[in-house]
Amino acid sequence: MARHELLDNVVHKDLRVDTRFGAGLGDPAGLVPVWPTEFAELQREYPIFLQKGEGESEYHAVALLGFDASENLFLDGDRWNANYLPGAVVRGPFSIGFRDPVPGGSLEPEPVVHVDMEHPRVARDGEGVAVFMPKGGHSPYLDHVITVLKGIHDGVAAARAMFATLDRLGLLQPVDLDVRFDEARGARVTGLYGIDRDRLAALEAGQLHALHRDGLLEGVYLMLASLYNMRRLIAEKQRRLRAQDGAGAAA
């Protein structure tokens, strides 16, 4: 069970984080949440889709990592085979919380960093990357995480506005992935949504201009461009199946 604490350079002066990768370190499998603020980087390597949680009315974006809930095809042992790491992966045990405004200060809740002390990346043996410097300052690692958290924070608001607009314009459609890896094996992934190309092409000039003016049109095209990464994902799955077959034959 998660145990979130407000990050403090005194209380957590010895905190260290394991930045390696692996199934036992809490790395996401199958799908990972992503945000529009990172679409430009993501679309070079990951297929981007939308999803709705059960009983939810709002969409959220996800990057496809594998073809079932326990499969991350970007993981190879303790390596992540991509040039860009999604923010949800980089942030590890950290998240943004909000502290009530102090008297005489801003009336808005103040964003602060929390750490989940039960997260599998929190190092238990004194190894890992230090979160704070010996005199209490932020380590370069923590500075990087804070930058990522700010991007996620901005991305949450951007996603809400973007996906609501795309839904209102009828640009979102259900996507069922029915993929064949060879003659005998395949996979089916359901519950995803993508951009309706035909509806996009049919938008009136004023609607397209409004999307461009509001900074949303680029995100639409980035989502569409990201789908070419399905070829890479399928090829990696096929490679692993061949290796599995070869190992089985050798045994």
C-alpha atoms as a PDB file:
ATOM      1  CA  MET A   1       0.000   0.000   0.000  1.00  0.00           C
ATOM      2  CA  ALA A   2       1.290   3.460  -0.886  1.00  0.00           C
ATOM      3  CA  ARG A   3       2.594   5.680   1.917  1.00  0.00           C
ATOM      4  CA  HIS A   4       2.924   9.248   0.642  1.00  0.00           C
ATOM      5  CA  GLU A   5       4.966  11.781   2.569  1.00  0.00           C
ATOM      6  CA  LEU A   6       5.809  15.415   1.902  1.00  0.00           C
ATOM      7  CA  LEU A   7       9.400  15.386   0.648  1.00  0.00           C
ATOM      8  CA  ASP A   8      11.692  17.013   3.221  1.00  0.00           C
ATOM      9  CA  ASN A   9      15.471  17.390   3.098  1.00  0.00           C
ATOM     10  CA  VAL A  10      15.774  16.659   6.827  1.00  0.00           C
ATOM     11  CA  VAL A  11      13.337  13.773   7.197  1.00  0.00           C
ATOM     12  CA  HIS A  12      14.486  12.235   3.903  1.00  0.00           C
ATOM     13  CA  LYS A  13      18.143  13.284   3.946  1.00  0.00           C
ATOM     14  CA  ASP A  14      19.320   9.714   3.292  1.00  0.00           C
ATOM     15  CA  LEU A  15      16.652   8.845   0.730  1.00  0.00           C
ATOM     16  CA  ARG A  16      17.980   7.095  -2.351  1.00  0.00           C
ATOM     17  CA  VAL A  17      16.145   5.856  -5.450  1.00  0.00           C
ATOM     18  CA  ASP A  18      16.891   2.853  -7.643  1.00  0.00           C
ATOM     19  CA  THR A  19      16.886   4.208 -11.210  1.00  0.00           C
ATOM     20  CA  ARG A  20      17.421   0.885 -12.943  1.00  0.00           C
ATOM     21  CA  PHE A  21      14.608  -0.796 -14.845  1.00  0.00           C
ATOM     22  CA  GLY A  22      12.877  -4.104 -14.356  1.00  0.00           C
ATOM     23  CA  ALA A  23       9.546  -5.782 -13.717  1.00  0.00           C
ATOM     24  CA  GLY A  24      10.178  -5.751  -9.966  1.00  0.00           C
ATOM     25  CA  LEU A  25      10.790  -1.993  -9.814  1.00  0.00           C
ATOM     26  CA  GLY A  26       7.286  -0.796 -10.535  1.00  0.00           C
ATOM     27  CA  ASP A  27       7.852  -0.171 -14.241  1.00  0.00           C
ATOM     28  CA  PRO A  28       4.570  -0.020 -16.111  1.00  0.00           C
ATOM     29  CA  ALA A  29       3.627  -2.809 -18.465  1.00  0.00           C
ATOM     30  CA  GLY A  30       1.359  -2.803 -21.467  1.00  0.00           C
ATOM     31  CA  LEU A  31       0.302   0.827 -21.163  1.00  0.00           C
ATOM     32  CA  VAL A  32       1.772   3.882 -19.465  1.00  0.00           C
ATOM     33  CA  PRO A  33      -0.033   7.204 -18.860  1.00  0.00           C
ATOM     34  CA  VAL A  34       1.306  10.113 -20.905  1.00  0.00           C
ATOM     35  CA  TRP A  35       0.420  13.787 -21.375  1.00  0.00           C
ATOM     36  CA  PRO A  36       0.205  16.188 -24.346  1.00  0.00           C
ATOM     37  CA  THR A  37       3.218  18.127 -23.051  1.00  0.00           C
ATOM     38  CA  GLU A  38       5.404  15.157 -24.038  1.00  0.00           C
ATOM     39  CA  PHE A  39       3.685  14.098 -27.276  1.00  0.00           C
ATOM     40  CA  ALA A  40       6.442  15.611 -29.447  1.00  0.00           C
ATOM     41  CA  GLU A  41       9.044  13.337 -27.842  1.00  0.00           C
ATOM     42  CA  LEU A  42       6.803  10.302 -27.446  1.00  0.00           C
ATOM     43  CA  GLN A  43       5.615  10.162 -31.048  1.00  0.00           C
ATOM     44  CA  ARG A  44       9.117   9.303 -32.260  1.00  0.00           C
ATOM     45  CA  GLU A  45       9.056   5.937 -30.473  1.00  0.00           C
ATOM     46  CA  TYR A  46       5.694   5.054 -28.902  1.00  0.00           C
ATOM     47  CA  PRO A  47       2.169   4.589 -30.296  1.00  0.00           C
ATOM     48  CA  ILE A  48      -0.137   7.058 -28.504  1.00  0.00           C
ATOM     49  CA  PHE A  49      -3.794   6.297 -27.840  1.00  0.00           C
ATOM     50  CA  LEU A  50      -6.541   7.515 -25.520  1.00  0.00           C
ATOM     51  CA  GLN A  51      -8.403   5.545 -22.896  1.00  0.00           C
ATOM     52  CA  LYS A  52     -11.316   5.929 -20.504  1.00  0.00           C
ATOM     53  CA  GLY A  53     -11.329   4.340 -17.079  1.00  0.00           C
ATOM     54  CA  GLU A  54     -14.361   2.297 -16.134  1.00  0.00           C
ATOM     55  CA  GLY A  55     -17.196   4.660 -15.265  1.00  0.00           C
ATOM     56  CA  GLU A  56     -15.118   7.726 -16.231  1.00  0.00           C
ATOM     57  CA  SER A  57     -16.272  10.440 -18.612  1.00  0.00           C
ATOM     58  CA  GLU A  58     -12.852  11.990 -19.315  1.00  0.00           C
ATOM     59  CA  TYR A  59     -10.233  10.622 -21.666  1.00  0.00           C
ATOM     60  CA  HIS A  60      -6.574  10.228 -20.772  1.00  0.00           C
ATOM     61  CA  ALA A  61      -3.621   9.455 -23.015  1.00  0.00           C
ATOM     62  CA  VAL A  62      -1.523   6.292 -22.894  1.00  0.00           C
ATOM     63  CA  ALA A  63       1.521   4.992 -24.736  1.00  0.00           C
ATOM     64  CA  LEU A  64       1.333   1.369 -25.850  1.00  0.00           C
ATOM     65  CA  LEU A  65       4.288  -0.663 -24.572  1.00  0.00           C
ATOM     66  CA  GLY A  66       3.082  -4.201 -25.235  1.00  0.00           C
ATOM     67  CA  PHE A  67       0.162  -6.332 -26.282  1.00  0.00           C
ATOM     68  CA  ASP A  68      -1.100  -7.465 -22.896  1.00  0.00           C
ATOM     69  CA  ALA A  69      -1.231  -6.049 -19.391  1.00  0.00           C
ATOM     70  CA  SER A  70       2.034  -7.697 -18.306  1.00  0.00           C
ATOM     71  CA  GLU A  71       4.137  -7.045 -21.413  1.00  0.00           C
ATOM     72  CA  ASN A  72       6.571  -4.149 -21.815  1.00  0.00           C
ATOM     73  CA  LEU A  73       8.452  -4.626 -25.079  1.00  0.00           C
ATOM     74  CA  PHE A  74      10.710  -1.649 -24.334  1.00  0.00           C
ATOM     75  CA  LEU A  75      12.180  -3.488 -21.337  1.00  0.00           C
ATOM     76  CA  ASP A  76      15.212  -5.683 -22.011  1.00  0.00           C
ATOM     77  CA  GLY A  77      16.493  -6.951 -18.684  1.00  0.00           C
ATOM     78  CA  ASP A  78      17.399  -3.811 -16.737  1.00  0.00           C
ATOM     79  CA  ARG A  79      17.508  -1.606 -19.849  1.00  0.00           C
ATOM     80  CA  TRP A  80      14.757   0.525 -21.385  1.00  0.00           C
ATOM     81  CA  ASN A  81      15.243   0.491 -25.150  1.00  0.00           C
ATOM     82  CA  ALA A  82      14.147   3.987 -26.109  1.00  0.00           C
ATOM     83  CA  ASN A  83      15.768   7.406 -26.352  1.00  0.00           C
ATOM     84  CA  TYR A  84      12.903   9.074 -24.481  1.00  0.00           C
ATOM     85  CA  LEU A  85      11.441   7.882 -21.183  1.00  0.00           C
ATOM     86  CA  PRO A  86       7.798   8.784 -20.500  1.00  0.00           C
ATOM     87  CA  GLY A  87       7.397  11.170 -17.583  1.00  0.00           C
ATOM     88  CA  ALA A  88       5.349   8.610 -15.650  1.00  0.00           C
ATOM     89  CA  VAL A  89       8.400   6.324 -15.705  1.00  0.00           C
ATOM     90  CA  VAL A  90      10.968   9.003 -14.845  1.00  0.00           C
ATOM     91  CA  ARG A  91       9.087  10.321 -11.823  1.00  0.00           C
ATOM     92  CA  GLY A  92       9.457   6.998  -9.995  1.00  0.00           C
ATOM     93  CA  PRO A  93       8.146   7.295  -6.417  1.00  0.00           C
ATOM     94  CA  PHE A  94       7.500  11.044  -6.670  1.00  0.00           C
ATOM     95  CA  SER A  95       4.287  12.932  -7.351  1.00  0.00           C
ATOM     96  CA  ILE A  96       2.874  16.425  -7.048  1.00  0.00           C
ATOM     97  CA  GLY A  97       0.541  17.178  -4.184  1.00  0.00           C
ATOM     98  CA  PHE A  98      -0.974  20.427  -2.983  1.00  0.00           C
ATOM     99  CA  ARG A  99      -0.559  22.257   0.306  1.00  0.00           C
ATOM    100  CA  ASP A 100      -3.204  24.624   1.649  1.00  0.00           C
ATOM    101  CA  PRO A 101      -2.322  28.308   1.106  1.00  0.00           C
ATOM    102  CA  VAL A 102      -0.550  30.043   3.992  1.00  0.00           C
ATOM    103  CA  PRO A 103      -2.093  33.178   5.545  1.00  0.00           C
ATOM    104  CA  GLY A 104      -0.969  36.328   3.749  1.00  0.00           C
ATOM    105  CA  GLY A 105       0.268  34.380   0.738  1.00  0.00           C
ATOM    106  CA  SER A 106      -1.275  33.174  -2.487  1.00  0.00           C
ATOM    107  CA  LEU A 107      -4.902  32.086  -2.333  1.00  0.00           C
ATOM    108  CA  GLU A 108      -4.119  29.104  -4.562  1.00  0.00           C
ATOM    109  CA  PRO A 109      -3.010  25.732  -3.124  1.00  0.00           C
ATOM    110  CA  GLU A 110       0.766  25.385  -3.376  1.00  0.00           C
ATOM    111  CA  PRO A 111       2.154  22.451  -5.420  1.00  0.00           C
ATOM    112  CA  VAL A 112       4.652  20.376  -3.434  1.00  0.00           C
ATOM    113  CA  VAL A 113       6.562  17.138  -4.042  1.00  0.00           C
ATOM    114  CA  HIS A 114       5.483  13.945  -2.305  1.00  0.00           C
ATOM    115  CA  VAL A 115       7.299  10.623  -2.158  1.00  0.00           C
ATOM    116  CA  ASP A 116       5.747   7.183  -1.823  1.00  0.00           C
ATOM    117  CA  MET A 117       7.948   5.485   0.761  1.00  0.00           C
ATOM    118  CA  GLU A 118       6.513   2.070  -0.163  1.00  0.00           C
ATOM    119  CA  HIS A 119       7.358   2.421  -3.865  1.00  0.00           C
ATOM    120  CA  PRO A 120       9.649  -0.390  -5.109  1.00  0.00           C
ATOM    121  CA  ARG A 121      12.154   2.160  -6.417  1.00  0.00           C
ATOM    122  CA  VAL A 122      12.850   3.541  -2.940  1.00  0.00           C
ATOM    123  CA  ALA A 123      16.226   1.949  -2.148  1.00  0.00           C
ATOM    124  CA  ARG A 124      16.301  -0.111   1.036  1.00  0.00           C
ATOM    125  CA  ASP A 125      19.995  -0.999   1.100  1.00  0.00           C
ATOM    126  CA  GLY A 126      21.726   2.366   0.864  1.00  0.00           C
ATOM    127  CA  GLU A 127      22.331   1.975  -2.868  1.00  0.00           C
ATOM    128  CA  GLY A 128      20.703   3.969  -5.654  1.00  0.00           C
ATOM    129  CA  VAL A 129      20.828   7.657  -6.523  1.00  0.00           C
ATOM    130  CA  ALA A 130      20.794  10.240  -3.728  1.00  0.00           C
ATOM    131  CA  VAL A 131      17.793  12.585  -3.644  1.00  0.00           C
ATOM    132  CA  PHE A 132      19.526  15.279  -1.572  1.00  0.00           C
ATOM    133  CA  MET A 133      23.103  16.533  -1.444  1.00  0.00           C
ATOM    134  CA  PRO A 134      25.077  16.162   1.845  1.00  0.00           C
ATOM    135  CA  LYS A 135      24.232  19.731   2.906  1.00  0.00           C
ATOM    136  CA  GLY A 136      20.537  19.385   2.076  1.00  0.00           C
ATOM    137  CA  GLY A 137      20.378  20.824  -1.444  1.00  0.00           C
ATOM    138  CA  HIS A 138      18.656  19.106  -4.325  1.00  0.00           C
ATOM    139  CA  SER A 139      20.677  16.494  -6.164  1.00  0.00           C
ATOM    140  CA  PRO A 140      20.780  16.752  -9.994  1.00  0.00           C
ATOM    141  CA  TYR A 141      18.499  13.716 -10.018  1.00  0.00           C
ATOM    142  CA  LEU A 142      15.844  15.458  -7.907  1.00  0.00           C
ATOM    143  CA  ASP A 143      16.080  18.615 -10.027  1.00  0.00           C
ATOM    144  CA  HIS A 144      15.388  16.499 -13.114  1.00  0.00           C
ATOM    145  CA  VAL A 145      12.434  14.762 -11.445  1.00  0.00           C
ATOM    146  CA  ILE A 146      10.954  18.121 -10.405  1.00  0.00           C
ATOM    147  CA  THR A 147      11.194  19.341 -14.004  1.00  0.00           C
ATOM    148  CA  VAL A 148       9.364  16.199 -15.144  1.00  0.00           C
ATOM    149  CA  LEU A 149       6.699  16.630 -12.448  1.00  0.00           C
ATOM    150  CA  LYS A 150       6.084  20.213 -13.576  1.00  0.00           C
ATOM    151  CA  GLY A 151       5.603  18.947 -17.133  1.00  0.00           C
ATOM    152  CA  ILE A 152       3.117  16.349 -15.897  1.00  0.00           C
ATOM    153  CA  HIS A 153       1.287  18.983 -13.840  1.00  0.00           C
ATOM    154  CA  ASP A 154       0.960  21.221 -16.912  1.00  0.00           C
ATOM    155  CA  GLY A 155       0.052  18.204 -19.019  1.00  0.00           C
ATOM    156  CA  VAL A 156      -2.911  17.238 -16.826  1.00  0.00           C
ATOM    157  CA  ALA A 157      -4.642  20.562 -17.495  1.00  0.00           C
ATOM    158  CA  ALA A 158      -3.668  20.495 -21.183  1.00  0.00           C
ATOM    159  CA  ALA A 159      -5.056  16.977 -21.577  1.00  0.00           C
ATOM    160  CA  ARG A 160      -8.399  17.832 -20.020  1.00  0.00           C
ATOM    161  CA  ALA A 161      -8.939  20.772 -22.378  1.00  0.00           C
ATOM    162  CA  MET A 162      -7.580  19.020 -25.474  1.00  0.00           C
ATOM    163  CA  PHE A 163      -9.495  15.757 -25.218  1.00  0.00           C
ATOM    164  CA  ALA A 164     -12.777  17.443 -24.297  1.00  0.00           C
ATOM    165  CA  THR A 165     -12.483  19.580 -27.439  1.00  0.00           C
ATOM    166  CA  LEU A 166     -11.632  16.620 -29.666  1.00  0.00           C
ATOM    167  CA  ASP A 167     -14.582  14.693 -28.248  1.00  0.00           C
ATOM    168  CA  ARG A 168     -16.934  17.629 -28.841  1.00  0.00           C
ATOM    169  CA  LEU A 169     -15.808  17.800 -32.480  1.00  0.00           C
ATOM    170  CA  GLY A 170     -16.391  14.080 -32.959  1.00  0.00           C
ATOM    171  CA  LEU A 171     -12.710  13.409 -33.642  1.00  0.00           C
ATOM    172  CA  LEU A 172     -12.342  10.444 -31.284  1.00  0.00           C
ATOM    173  CA  GLN A 173     -13.240   6.911 -32.240  1.00  0.00           C
ATOM    174  CA  PRO A 174     -12.822   3.476 -30.600  1.00  0.00           C
ATOM    175  CA  VAL A 175      -9.787   1.520 -31.782  1.00  0.00           C
ATOM    176  CA  ASP A 176      -9.480  -2.257 -31.467  1.00  0.00           C
ATOM    177  CA  LEU A 177      -6.029  -3.576 -32.343  1.00  0.00           C
ATOM    178  CA  ASP A 178      -6.124  -7.024 -33.952  1.00  0.00           C
ATOM    179  CA  VAL A 179      -2.480  -7.891 -34.613  1.00  0.00           C
ATOM    180  CA  ARG A 180      -0.926 -11.019 -36.159  1.00  0.00           C
ATOM    181  CA  PHE A 181       2.664 -11.908 -35.296  1.00  0.00           C
ATOM    182  CA  ASP A 182       2.804 -15.066 -37.391  1.00  0.00           C
ATOM    183  CA  GLU A 183       0.379 -17.626 -38.776  1.00  0.00           C
ATOM    184  CA  ALA A 184      -0.388 -19.076 -35.353  1.00  0.00           C
ATOM    185  CA  ARG A 185      -0.060 -16.172 -32.921  1.00  0.00           C
ATOM    186  CA  GLY A 186      -1.550 -12.754 -32.506  1.00  0.00           C
ATOM    187  CA  ALA A 187      -3.080 -10.377 -29.992  1.00  0.00           C
ATOM    188  CA  ARG A 188      -6.157  -8.230 -29.577  1.00  0.00           C
ATOM    189  CA  VAL A 189      -6.098  -4.976 -27.583  1.00  0.00           C
ATOM    190  CA  THR A 190      -9.401  -3.244 -26.866  1.00  0.00           C
ATOM    191  CA  GLY A 191     -10.590  -0.201 -24.945  1.00  0.00           C
ATOM    192  CA  LEU A 192      -8.451   2.303 -26.852  1.00  0.00           C
ATOM    193  CA  TYR A 193      -9.443   5.433 -28.765  1.00  0.00           C
ATOM    194  CA  GLY A 194      -7.731   7.296 -31.571  1.00  0.00           C
ATOM    195  CA  ILE A 195      -8.215  10.151 -34.015  1.00  0.00           C
ATOM    196  CA  ASP A 196     -10.872   9.701 -36.691  1.00  0.00           C
ATOM    197  CA  ARG A 197      -8.961  10.672 -39.853  1.00  0.00           C
ATOM    198  CA  ASP A 198     -12.094  10.981 -41.976  1.00  0.00           C
ATOM    199  CA  ARG A 199     -13.782  13.288 -39.473  1.00  0.00           C
ATOM    200  CA  LEU A 200     -10.601  15.360 -39.210  1.00  0.00           C
ATOM    201  CA  ALA A 201     -10.495  15.770 -42.991  1.00  0.00           C
ATOM    202  CA  ALA A 202     -14.163  16.830 -42.982  1.00  0.00           C
ATOM    203  CA  LEU A 203     -13.756  19.648 -40.433  1.00  0.00           C
ATOM    204  CA  GLU A 204     -14.671  23.113 -41.602  1.00  0.00           C
ATOM    205  CA  ALA A 205     -11.952  25.702 -42.033  1.00  0.00           C
ATOM    206  CA  GLY A 206     -13.132  27.599 -38.963  1.00  0.00           C
ATOM    207  CA  GLN A 207     -12.948  24.483 -36.802  1.00  0.00           C
ATOM    208  CA  LEU A 208      -9.427  23.698 -38.017  1.00  0.00           C
ATOM    209  CA  HIS A 209      -8.370  27.272 -37.377  1.00  0.00           C
ATOM    210  CA  ALA A 210      -9.770  27.113 -33.843  1.00  0.00           C
ATOM    211  CA  LEU A 211      -7.809  23.910 -33.152  1.00  0.00           C
ATOM    212  CA  HIS A 212      -4.652  25.551 -34.465  1.00  0.00           C
ATOM    213  CA  ARG A 213      -5.268  28.780 -32.554  1.00  0.00           C
ATOM    214  CA  ASP A 214      -5.737  26.868 -29.311  1.00  0.00           C
ATOM    215  CA  GLY A 215      -2.542  24.855 -29.850  1.00  0.00           C
ATOM    216  CA  LEU A 216      -4.383  21.550 -30.220  1.00  0.00           C
ATOM    217  CA  LEU A 217      -3.936  20.715 -33.892  1.00  0.00           C
ATOM    218  CA  GLU A 218      -0.259  19.828 -33.483  1.00  0.00           C
ATOM    219  CA  GLY A 219      -1.161  17.293 -30.789  1.00  0.00           C
ATOM    220  CA  VAL A 220      -3.704  15.694 -33.113  1.00  0.00           C
ATOM    221  CA  TYR A 221      -1.102  15.203 -35.845  1.00  0.00           C
ATOM    222  CA  LEU A 222       1.477  13.947 -33.328  1.00  0.00           C
ATOM    223  CA  MET A 223      -0.981  11.267 -32.187  1.00  0.00           C
ATOM    224  CA  LEU A 224      -1.576  10.219 -35.784  1.00  0.00           C
ATOM    225  CA  ALA A 225       2.160  10.175 -36.566  1.00  0.00           C
ATOM    226  CA  SER A 226       2.839   8.038 -33.488  1.00  0.00           C
ATOM    227  CA  LEU A 227       0.864   5.137 -34.937  1.00  0.00           C
ATOM    228  CA  TYR A 228       3.731   4.334 -37.307  1.00  0.00           C
ATOM    229  CA  ASN A 229       5.543   3.043 -34.223  1.00  0.00           C
ATOM    230  CA  MET A 230       3.177   0.065 -34.219  1.00  0.00           C
ATOM    231  CA  ARG A 231       5.479  -1.478 -36.839  1.00  0.00           C
ATOM    232  CA  ARG A 232       8.427  -1.283 -34.450  1.00  0.00           C
ATOM    233  CA  LEU A 233       6.406  -2.762 -31.595  1.00  0.00           C
ATOM    234  CA  ILE A 234       5.168  -5.659 -33.729  1.00  0.00           C
ATOM    235  CA  ALA A 235       8.688  -6.322 -35.039  1.00  0.00           C
ATOM    236  CA  GLU A 236      10.058  -6.464 -31.494  1.00  0.00           C
ATOM    237  CA  LYS A 237       7.301  -8.892 -30.468  1.00  0.00           C
ATOM    238  CA  GLN A 238       8.087 -11.084 -33.469  1.00  0.00           C
ATOM    239  CA  ARG A 239      11.801 -11.007 -32.604  1.00  0.00           C
ATOM    240  CA  ARG A 240      11.097 -12.160 -29.056  1.00  0.00           C
ATOM    241  CA  LEU A 241       8.792 -14.926 -30.232  1.00  0.00           C
ATOM    242  CA  ARG A 242      11.500 -16.201 -32.604  1.00  0.00           C
ATOM    243  CA  ALA A 243      14.040 -16.116 -29.775  1.00  0.00           C
ATOM    244  CA  GLN A 244      11.593 -17.964 -27.532  1.00  0.00           C
ATOM    245  CA  ASP A 245      11.005 -20.588 -30.218  1.00  0.00           C
ATOM    246  CA  GLY A 246      14.735 -20.972 -30.722  1.00  0.00           C
ATOM    247  CA  ALA A 247      15.372 -21.424 -27.026  1.00  0.00           C
ATOM    248  CA  GLY A 248      12.576 -23.985 -26.831  1.00  0.00           C
ATOM    249  CA  ALA A 249      13.976 -25.944 -29.761  1.00  0.00           C
ATOM    250  CA  ALA A 250      17.466 -25.909 -28.243  1.00  0.00           C
ATOM    251  CA  ALA A 251      16.124 -27.201 -24.934  1.00  0.00           C
END
